[in-house]
């Protein structure tokens, strides 16, 4: 016979689950994924919890939102693998289109030959042979869209969620190198911040306008999405920590696209409403920010041209291409501005409508530093709909391969040694998952075994 205390706990669990079903919102259930989850990830729950709390629920509860751990894991996998897909799809066209958009939206991977056959301008270095490189390595590999987050993940594991500037600087000095094997491995604000650390500076001085001449460049918005995976639905906390990360390298409005993306990512764990997420994320930008004005302009221009994004593209470029006004030319260095790239990302999100190929295709076709927008938005849609939303041919059937798991479940760390040279994507995502579970509880949520209750921000 159950003790009175255990019986009361069972009744309360039944009540919470029943209420969560009654208040169900717009996040879809997990109905399987083409990406693999380790079978030992989720702790075994009591038989009572397993009976009344199925692991595939993502619903509302009275004092928070309930999300199944399977769903949460799938969304984090969508974030990680989505970034890889967008990065590799966009790299062949990085900085190739700055004065006009691409003639069409890419839907698959291109190399030098296929791009030229399609009449597209394409990079002729290693970026022009991405499918071949993925096949050669039999997996994914490091680029700046993921490798700084790879370091931050290690730092969070080692130092904890309250990671401070002295600790992250020590991780950068150990793992983030400006050159690897004779080639560049950091650029612009990231590079100057790392050099400033060699001079004895700590963040945020390393990213301040007085110390970093590239405080206004794109760098932070493509290396801080991890914070939103750690703080799903806790938008204000995700934005706070993402801006903390942004100030390692950047300052002023140069950090505002990072805030925008952090809010989008964190909110996307619990909503698939593109317009709603855009409005929430825009509200996290200071009212006097030129980036917020740009986001408002995009929304207005989309209403004027709701289907065709190219008129909006031209209006963005005409008004925001030179931020700051002494940035130089294209692509160097106006083409790496946080402003033009961040706004092209916002445009792509609105016009993409939550569809993976459409969103990523617009992000690439919008040009400038397009692999970064493609990576960030692919990860965002991966969070929104889960890893299952990522088309199979973009994760498994690459370069003549037909892998059993996305990118052959392999991530090759070529730049950030002495961190492990090879890790599986499932291992990386499992590490993030453990941090996320800890963060949810730390922020007032609860762990129910197969599900978690998250204290989400208002408005979701």
Protein backbone atom coordinates (compact mmCIF):
# COMPACT_ATOMS: atom_id res chain seq x y z
CA UNK A 1 0.00 0.00 0.00
CA UNK A 2 1.27 3.48 -0.86
CA UNK A 3 2.18 5.81 2.02
CA UNK A 4 -0.05 8.93 2.32
CA UNK A 5 2.88 11.10 1.15
CA UNK A 6 3.51 8.94 -1.97
CA UNK A 7 -0.18 8.80 -2.75
CA UNK A 8 -0.43 12.60 -2.57
CA UNK A 9 2.60 12.94 -4.90
CA UNK A 10 0.92 10.63 -7.40
CA UNK A 11 -2.30 12.66 -7.26
CA UNK A 12 -0.37 15.88 -7.85
CA UNK A 13 1.39 14.39 -10.89
CA UNK A 14 -1.92 13.24 -12.30
CA UNK A 15 -3.33 16.72 -11.76
CA UNK A 16 -0.42 18.45 -13.49
CA UNK A 17 -0.52 16.18 -16.49
CA UNK A 18 -4.28 16.48 -16.84
CA UNK A 19 -4.04 20.26 -16.64
CA UNK A 20 -1.20 20.30 -19.16
CA UNK A 21 -3.30 18.43 -21.68
CA UNK A 22 -6.21 20.79 -21.14
CA UNK A 23 -3.99 23.81 -21.78
CA UNK A 24 -2.13 22.36 -24.77
CA UNK A 25 -0.50 24.94 -27.02
CA UNK A 26 1.03 25.04 -30.47
CA UNK A 27 4.16 22.91 -30.15
CA UNK A 28 3.94 19.64 -32.11
CA UNK A 29 4.54 16.26 -30.54
CA UNK A 30 7.61 14.18 -31.35
CA UNK A 31 6.59 11.49 -33.80
CA UNK A 32 9.99 10.05 -34.49
CA UNK A 33 13.14 11.53 -35.90
CA UNK A 34 15.76 10.63 -38.45
CA UNK A 35 18.40 11.53 -35.85
CA UNK A 36 19.50 9.19 -33.11
CA UNK A 37 19.10 9.64 -29.33
CA UNK A 38 21.16 7.52 -26.93
CA UNK A 39 18.85 5.03 -25.27
CA UNK A 40 20.22 5.78 -21.81
CA UNK A 41 19.65 9.54 -21.92
CA UNK A 42 16.39 9.77 -19.97
CA UNK A 43 16.41 8.69 -16.35
CA UNK A 44 13.99 5.95 -15.47
CA UNK A 45 10.94 7.47 -13.82
CA UNK A 46 8.71 5.87 -11.22
CA UNK A 47 6.03 3.56 -12.58
CA UNK A 48 3.40 6.12 -11.59
CA UNK A 49 5.13 8.88 -13.62
CA UNK A 50 5.61 6.63 -16.63
CA UNK A 51 1.94 5.74 -16.64
CA UNK A 52 0.66 9.31 -16.51
CA UNK A 53 3.48 11.39 -18.04
CA UNK A 54 4.34 10.18 -21.56
CA UNK A 55 7.76 11.38 -22.70
CA UNK A 56 6.47 12.90 -25.90
CA UNK A 57 4.33 15.61 -24.32
CA UNK A 58 5.03 19.31 -24.76
CA UNK A 59 2.14 21.08 -23.05
CA UNK A 60 1.20 23.84 -20.61
CA UNK A 61 0.95 23.45 -16.86
CA UNK A 62 -0.40 25.80 -14.19
CA UNK A 63 2.97 27.20 -13.09
CA UNK A 64 5.02 26.55 -16.22
CA UNK A 65 5.20 24.47 -19.36
CA UNK A 66 5.74 20.73 -19.53
CA UNK A 67 8.11 19.40 -22.18
CA UNK A 68 8.98 15.75 -22.72
CA UNK A 69 12.68 14.98 -22.53
CA UNK A 70 12.46 13.21 -25.88
CA UNK A 71 11.04 16.39 -27.39
CA UNK A 72 13.65 18.55 -25.69
CA UNK A 73 16.47 16.31 -26.89
CA UNK A 74 15.10 16.28 -30.44
CA UNK A 75 14.95 20.07 -30.50
CA UNK A 76 18.51 20.42 -29.21
CA UNK A 77 19.60 17.95 -31.88
CA UNK A 78 17.73 20.09 -34.40
CA UNK A 79 19.70 23.12 -33.22
CA UNK A 80 23.09 21.41 -33.55
CA UNK A 81 22.57 19.50 -36.79
CA UNK A 82 20.58 22.35 -38.31
CA UNK A 83 23.53 24.69 -37.83
CA UNK A 84 25.79 22.19 -39.58
CA UNK A 85 23.43 21.92 -42.55
CA UNK A 86 23.01 25.67 -43.00
CA UNK A 87 26.72 26.32 -42.60
CA UNK A 88 27.71 23.77 -45.24
CA UNK A 89 24.97 24.80 -47.65
CA UNK A 90 25.98 28.46 -47.42
CA UNK A 91 29.77 28.29 -47.49
CA UNK A 92 30.13 27.95 -51.29
CA UNK A 93 28.41 31.33 -51.69
CA UNK A 94 29.90 33.25 -48.77
CA UNK A 95 30.45 36.90 -49.85
CA UNK A 96 29.67 36.10 -53.50
CA UNK A 97 26.47 38.18 -53.57
CA UNK A 98 26.68 41.65 -52.08
CA UNK A 99 25.16 43.98 -54.70
CA UNK A 100 22.22 41.82 -55.68
CA UNK A 101 20.62 38.63 -54.30
CA UNK A 102 21.21 35.23 -55.81
CA UNK A 103 18.90 34.45 -58.76
CA UNK A 104 17.19 31.63 -56.86
CA UNK A 105 17.05 30.01 -53.42
CA UNK A 106 19.42 27.04 -53.04
CA UNK A 107 17.68 23.90 -51.84
CA UNK A 108 20.63 21.53 -51.62
CA UNK A 109 24.43 21.39 -51.42
CA UNK A 110 26.51 22.84 -54.25
CA UNK A 111 30.12 22.45 -55.21
CA UNK A 112 32.19 24.34 -57.76
CA UNK A 113 30.93 22.33 -60.72
CA UNK A 114 27.23 22.20 -59.88
CA UNK A 115 27.15 25.87 -58.93
CA UNK A 116 28.75 26.96 -62.19
CA UNK A 117 26.39 24.71 -64.14
CA UNK A 118 23.51 26.49 -62.42
CA UNK A 119 24.94 29.88 -63.38
CA UNK A 120 25.91 30.80 -59.81
CA UNK A 121 28.99 32.59 -58.55
CA UNK A 122 30.87 30.34 -56.17
CA UNK A 123 34.01 30.27 -54.04
CA UNK A 124 36.84 28.38 -55.71
CA UNK A 125 38.79 27.39 -52.58
CA UNK A 126 37.80 24.63 -50.15
CA UNK A 127 34.36 26.19 -49.78
CA UNK A 128 33.71 25.07 -53.34
CA UNK A 129 34.03 21.37 -52.47
CA UNK A 130 31.93 20.97 -49.34
CA UNK A 131 30.21 17.66 -50.28
CA UNK A 132 33.59 16.15 -51.15
CA UNK A 133 35.10 17.31 -47.85
CA UNK A 134 32.20 15.89 -45.83
CA UNK A 135 32.57 12.59 -47.68
CA UNK A 136 36.34 12.56 -47.18
CA UNK A 137 35.97 13.05 -43.42
CA UNK A 138 32.87 10.84 -43.27
CA UNK A 139 31.26 13.44 -41.06
CA UNK A 140 30.89 17.12 -40.24
CA UNK A 141 33.73 19.41 -39.27
CA UNK A 142 34.48 22.66 -37.46
CA UNK A 143 33.72 26.10 -38.80
CA UNK A 144 33.10 29.31 -36.86
CA UNK A 145 29.34 28.66 -36.77
CA UNK A 146 29.91 25.80 -34.33
CA UNK A 147 33.48 25.71 -33.06
CA UNK A 148 33.26 28.63 -30.61
CA UNK A 149 30.11 27.07 -29.16
CA UNK A 150 32.07 23.82 -28.94
CA UNK A 151 34.52 25.65 -26.65
CA UNK A 152 31.74 27.33 -24.65
CA UNK A 153 30.10 23.95 -24.11
CA UNK A 154 33.33 22.59 -22.66
CA UNK A 155 33.69 25.67 -20.43
CA UNK A 156 30.13 25.26 -19.12
CA UNK A 157 30.79 21.61 -18.35
CA UNK A 158 34.01 22.42 -16.54
CA UNK A 159 33.11 25.65 -14.70
CA UNK A 160 29.32 25.42 -14.46
CA UNK A 161 26.36 27.51 -15.56
CA UNK A 162 27.62 30.59 -13.73
CA UNK A 163 30.60 30.75 -16.09
CA UNK A 164 32.31 34.13 -15.68
CA UNK A 165 34.54 36.25 -17.90
CA UNK A 166 37.80 35.16 -16.29
CA UNK A 167 36.86 31.51 -16.83
CA UNK A 168 35.73 31.89 -20.44
CA UNK A 169 38.89 33.88 -21.21
CA UNK A 170 40.98 31.02 -19.85
CA UNK A 171 39.10 28.63 -22.17
CA UNK A 172 39.66 30.93 -25.15
CA UNK A 173 43.37 31.19 -24.39
CA UNK A 174 43.62 27.41 -24.24
CA UNK A 175 41.38 26.37 -27.15
CA UNK A 176 40.57 29.32 -29.42
CA UNK A 177 43.54 29.89 -31.71
CA UNK A 178 43.94 32.64 -34.28
CA UNK A 179 45.82 30.33 -36.65
CA UNK A 180 45.76 26.55 -37.11
CA UNK A 181 48.11 24.65 -39.43
CA UNK A 182 49.25 27.89 -41.02
CA UNK A 183 45.73 29.10 -41.86
CA UNK A 184 43.41 31.65 -40.27
CA UNK A 185 41.07 30.26 -37.63
CA UNK A 186 39.58 33.53 -36.32
CA UNK A 187 38.44 36.71 -38.01
CA UNK A 188 37.42 40.30 -37.22
CA UNK A 189 35.98 40.87 -33.73
CA UNK A 190 36.71 37.32 -32.56
CA UNK A 191 40.34 37.63 -33.63
CA UNK A 192 40.89 41.02 -32.02
CA UNK A 193 39.22 39.85 -28.80
CA UNK A 194 41.57 36.85 -28.68
CA UNK A 195 44.58 39.10 -29.31
CA UNK A 196 43.37 41.40 -26.54
CA UNK A 197 43.36 38.42 -24.18
CA UNK A 198 47.02 37.87 -25.05
CA UNK A 199 47.58 41.47 -23.90
CA UNK A 200 46.03 40.67 -20.55
CA UNK A 201 42.54 42.04 -21.13
CA UNK A 202 39.37 40.28 -19.96
CA UNK A 203 35.89 40.56 -21.40
CA UNK A 204 33.96 42.80 -21.74
CA UNK A 205 36.96 45.05 -22.36
CA UNK A 206 38.10 42.69 -25.12
CA UNK A 207 34.97 43.56 -27.10
CA UNK A 208 34.60 47.22 -26.15
CA UNK A 209 34.62 50.01 -28.71
CA UNK A 210 37.83 51.33 -27.15
CA UNK A 211 39.66 48.00 -27.52
CA UNK A 212 38.09 46.20 -30.48
CA UNK A 213 37.90 48.06 -33.78
CA UNK A 214 35.52 45.41 -35.11
CA UNK A 215 32.96 45.65 -32.27
CA UNK A 216 30.25 46.14 -34.92
CA UNK A 217 30.84 42.97 -36.98
CA UNK A 218 28.79 39.80 -37.27
CA UNK A 219 30.86 37.60 -34.94
CA UNK A 220 28.71 37.26 -31.78
CA UNK A 221 25.41 36.48 -33.46
CA UNK A 222 26.77 33.22 -34.88
CA UNK A 223 28.56 31.87 -31.78
CA UNK A 224 26.04 32.31 -28.95
CA UNK A 225 23.00 30.27 -29.93
CA UNK A 226 24.09 27.67 -27.39
CA UNK A 227 22.74 29.80 -24.54
CA UNK A 228 19.18 29.43 -25.81
CA UNK A 229 19.55 25.66 -26.01
CA UNK A 230 20.61 25.73 -22.37
CA UNK A 231 17.72 28.06 -21.41
CA UNK A 232 14.75 26.88 -23.53
CA UNK A 233 11.66 29.02 -23.10
CA UNK A 234 13.46 31.14 -20.50
CA UNK A 235 13.85 33.96 -22.99
CA UNK A 236 15.07 36.67 -20.66
CA UNK A 237 17.75 34.42 -19.20
CA UNK A 238 18.82 33.22 -22.66
CA UNK A 239 19.07 36.82 -23.89
CA UNK A 240 21.00 37.88 -20.80
CA UNK A 241 23.58 35.12 -21.18
CA UNK A 242 23.84 35.50 -24.96
CA UNK A 243 24.58 39.21 -24.58
CA UNK A 244 27.12 38.29 -21.92
CA UNK A 245 28.76 36.11 -24.56
CA UNK A 246 28.44 38.78 -27.23
CA UNK A 247 30.36 41.28 -25.13
CA UNK A 248 33.46 39.11 -25.29
CA UNK A 249 33.89 40.43 -28.83
CA UNK A 250 31.41 43.25 -29.43
CA UNK A 251 29.69 46.35 -28.10
CA UNK A 252 26.66 48.63 -28.48
CA UNK A 253 24.30 47.69 -31.33
CA UNK A 254 26.85 45.11 -32.47
CA UNK A 255 25.38 42.86 -29.76
CA UNK A 256 21.73 43.43 -30.67
CA UNK A 257 21.34 40.76 -33.38
CA UNK A 258 22.68 38.30 -30.81
CA UNK A 259 19.88 39.30 -28.43
CA UNK A 260 17.34 38.91 -31.26
CA UNK A 261 18.47 35.42 -32.23
CA UNK A 262 18.73 34.33 -28.59
CA UNK A 263 15.09 35.25 -28.03
CA UNK A 264 13.99 33.52 -31.25
CA UNK A 265 15.81 30.31 -30.34
CA UNK A 266 14.65 30.19 -26.75
CA UNK A 267 11.05 30.91 -27.71
CA UNK A 268 11.09 28.36 -30.54
CA UNK A 269 11.29 25.53 -28.00
CA UNK A 270 7.66 26.32 -27.16
CA UNK A 271 6.17 28.08 -30.20
CA UNK A 272 6.07 27.60 -33.96
CA UNK A 273 4.39 30.96 -34.64
CA UNK A 274 6.88 32.93 -36.75
CA UNK A 275 5.21 36.33 -36.36
CA UNK A 276 4.79 35.88 -32.63
CA UNK A 277 8.43 34.87 -32.16
CA UNK A 278 9.62 37.78 -34.30
CA UNK A 279 7.62 40.23 -32.18
CA UNK A 280 8.90 38.76 -28.92
CA UNK A 281 12.50 38.84 -30.13
CA UNK A 282 12.20 42.39 -31.42
CA UNK A 283 10.90 43.48 -28.01
CA UNK A 284 14.22 42.36 -26.50
CA UNK A 285 16.15 44.99 -28.50
CA UNK A 286 16.58 48.47 -26.96
CA UNK A 287 14.07 50.97 -28.31
CA UNK A 288 16.73 53.36 -29.63
CA UNK A 289 18.70 50.67 -31.45
CA UNK A 290 19.20 51.03 -35.21
CA UNK A 291 18.86 47.26 -35.41
CA UNK A 292 15.39 47.42 -33.86
CA UNK A 293 14.45 50.09 -36.40
CA UNK A 294 15.64 47.74 -39.13
CA UNK A 295 13.49 44.91 -37.78
CA UNK A 296 10.47 47.21 -37.75
CA UNK A 297 11.23 48.26 -41.34
CA UNK A 298 11.39 44.63 -42.45
CA UNK A 299 7.98 43.91 -40.99
CA UNK A 300 6.55 46.96 -42.78
CA UNK A 301 8.21 46.06 -46.07
CA UNK A 302 7.02 42.48 -45.85
CA UNK A 303 3.45 43.74 -45.56
CA UNK A 304 4.03 45.68 -48.78
CA UNK A 305 5.49 42.60 -50.52
CA UNK A 306 4.19 39.58 -48.59
CA UNK A 307 5.34 36.84 -51.00
CA UNK A 308 8.39 38.16 -52.82
CA UNK A 309 11.32 38.90 -50.51
CA UNK A 310 13.55 40.56 -53.11
CA UNK A 311 11.95 44.04 -52.94
CA UNK A 312 12.53 43.91 -49.20
CA UNK A 313 16.14 42.82 -49.79
CA UNK A 314 16.82 45.91 -51.90
CA UNK A 315 15.26 48.21 -49.32
CA UNK A 316 17.38 46.68 -46.56
CA UNK A 317 20.55 47.08 -48.57
CA UNK A 318 19.75 50.64 -49.59
CA UNK A 319 19.16 51.77 -45.99
CA UNK A 320 21.41 49.55 -43.86
CA UNK A 321 24.35 48.39 -45.97
CA UNK A 322 26.82 50.85 -44.41
CA UNK A 323 26.70 50.43 -40.65
CA UNK A 324 28.87 52.04 -39.42
CA UNK A 325 29.15 54.57 -42.23
CA UNK A 326 32.94 54.20 -42.33
CA UNK A 327 32.86 50.40 -42.73
CA UNK A 328 34.49 50.59 -46.16
CA UNK A 329 33.25 48.65 -49.21
CA UNK A 330 31.89 45.21 -50.11
CA UNK A 331 32.61 42.67 -49.01
CA UNK A 332 35.36 44.22 -46.89
CA UNK A 333 34.33 45.31 -44.45
CA UNK A 334 30.71 46.41 -44.78
CA UNK A 335 29.78 42.87 -45.78
CA UNK A 336 30.62 41.56 -42.30
CA UNK A 337 28.53 44.10 -40.39
CA UNK A 338 26.22 42.77 -37.69
CA UNK A 339 23.59 45.13 -39.08
CA UNK A 340 23.24 44.01 -42.70
CA UNK A 341 23.69 40.32 -41.87
CA UNK A 342 21.40 40.37 -38.86
CA UNK A 343 18.66 42.11 -40.82
CA UNK A 344 18.96 39.68 -43.72
CA UNK A 345 18.51 36.92 -41.16
CA UNK A 346 15.38 38.57 -39.78
CA UNK A 347 13.99 38.92 -43.30
CA UNK A 348 14.72 35.27 -44.08
CA UNK A 349 12.96 34.13 -40.93
CA UNK A 350 9.78 36.06 -41.75
CA UNK A 351 9.63 35.06 -45.40
CA UNK A 352 10.61 31.46 -44.66
CA UNK A 353 7.45 30.97 -42.65
CA UNK A 354 8.92 28.17 -40.54
CA UNK A 355 9.74 25.94 -43.53
CA UNK A 356 13.28 24.58 -43.39
CA UNK A 357 14.30 24.67 -47.06
CA UNK A 358 12.54 27.96 -47.74
CA UNK A 359 14.08 29.71 -44.74
CA UNK A 360 17.60 28.45 -45.39
CA UNK A 361 17.26 29.08 -49.13
CA UNK A 362 16.31 32.74 -48.60
CA UNK A 363 19.12 33.17 -46.06
CA UNK A 364 21.71 31.92 -48.56
CA UNK A 365 20.23 33.80 -51.51
CA UNK A 366 20.29 37.02 -49.47
CA UNK A 367 24.06 36.98 -49.76
CA UNK A 368 26.75 38.79 -47.77
CA UNK A 369 28.15 36.47 -45.03
CA UNK A 370 25.39 34.07 -45.94
CA UNK A 371 26.66 30.86 -44.42
CA UNK A 372 26.23 32.41 -40.99
CA UNK A 373 22.60 33.42 -41.48
CA UNK A 374 21.91 30.03 -43.03
CA UNK A 375 23.47 28.20 -40.08
CA UNK A 376 21.68 30.26 -37.44
CA UNK A 377 18.29 30.00 -39.14
CA UNK A 378 18.64 26.30 -39.96
CA UNK A 379 19.34 25.67 -36.30
CA UNK A 380 16.36 27.84 -35.36
CA UNK A 381 13.96 25.89 -37.57
CA UNK A 382 15.52 22.71 -36.20
CA UNK A 383 14.54 23.87 -32.72
CA UNK A 384 11.10 24.99 -33.79
CA UNK A 385 10.04 21.71 -35.39
CA UNK A 386 12.62 19.30 -34.02
CA UNK A 387 15.33 17.42 -35.86
CA UNK A 388 12.69 15.58 -37.87
CA UNK A 389 12.03 18.82 -39.77
CA UNK A 390 15.47 18.72 -41.36
CA UNK A 391 15.24 17.03 -44.77
CA UNK A 392 16.88 13.62 -44.87
CA UNK A 393 18.88 14.37 -48.01
CA UNK A 394 20.60 17.27 -46.24
CA UNK A 395 21.74 15.19 -43.29
CA UNK A 396 22.30 11.66 -44.59
CA UNK A 397 22.64 11.57 -48.40
CA UNK A 398 25.65 13.82 -48.96
CA UNK A 399 28.51 13.35 -51.40
CA UNK A 400 27.25 9.99 -52.60
CA UNK A 401 26.82 8.66 -49.06
CA UNK A 402 23.69 7.35 -47.40
CA UNK A 403 24.62 7.47 -43.74
CA UNK A 404 22.48 5.81 -41.09
CA UNK A 405 22.67 8.91 -38.91
CA UNK A 406 22.96 12.64 -39.60
CA UNK A 407 26.48 13.48 -40.79
CA UNK A 408 27.40 9.90 -39.90
CA UNK A 409 27.06 10.97 -36.25
CA UNK A 410 30.54 12.50 -36.42
CA UNK A 411 31.98 15.96 -35.72
CA UNK A 412 35.66 16.48 -36.54
CA UNK A 413 37.28 19.21 -34.45
CA UNK A 414 40.01 20.56 -36.71
CA UNK A 415 40.52 23.95 -35.04
CA UNK A 416 39.85 23.95 -31.30
CA UNK A 417 42.44 21.52 -30.00
CA UNK A 418 43.36 20.14 -27.51
CA UNK A 419 39.63 19.52 -27.16
CA UNK A 420 38.77 16.06 -28.56
CA UNK A 421 39.56 15.69 -32.24
CA UNK A 422 36.43 13.66 -32.98
CA UNK A 423 33.10 13.53 -31.16
CA UNK A 424 29.73 12.14 -32.08
CA UNK A 425 26.86 14.54 -32.55
CA UNK A 426 24.85 12.50 -30.05
CA UNK A 427 27.59 12.99 -27.46
CA UNK A 428 27.63 16.74 -28.05
CA UNK A 429 23.85 17.00 -27.82
CA UNK A 430 23.75 14.80 -24.73
CA UNK A 431 26.22 17.14 -23.03
CA UNK A 432 24.02 20.11 -23.86
CA UNK A 433 20.96 18.21 -22.68
CA UNK A 434 22.47 17.64 -19.25
CA UNK A 435 23.28 21.33 -18.90
CA UNK A 436 19.77 22.22 -20.04
CA UNK A 437 18.13 19.97 -17.48
CA UNK A 438 20.28 21.51 -14.77
CA UNK A 439 19.47 25.05 -15.96
CA UNK A 440 15.72 24.37 -16.02
CA UNK A 441 15.75 23.26 -12.39
CA UNK A 442 18.08 26.07 -11.37
CA UNK A 443 15.63 28.59 -12.87
CA UNK A 444 12.68 27.24 -10.87
CA UNK A 445 11.55 24.36 -13.08
CA UNK A 446 11.11 20.73 -12.08
CA UNK A 447 12.30 17.34 -13.28
CA UNK A 448 9.46 14.80 -13.41
CA UNK A 449 11.53 11.94 -14.79
CA UNK A 450 10.45 11.70 -18.42
CA UNK A 451 9.30 15.31 -18.59
CA UNK A 452 10.40 18.68 -17.31
CA UNK A 453 8.42 21.68 -16.19
CA UNK A 454 9.95 24.93 -17.48
CA UNK A 455 9.27 28.37 -16.05
CA UNK A 456 8.90 30.04 -19.44
CA UNK A 457 8.94 33.76 -20.08
CA UNK A 458 5.66 35.62 -20.36
CA UNK A 459 4.18 35.88 -23.83
CA UNK A 460 4.94 32.33 -24.94
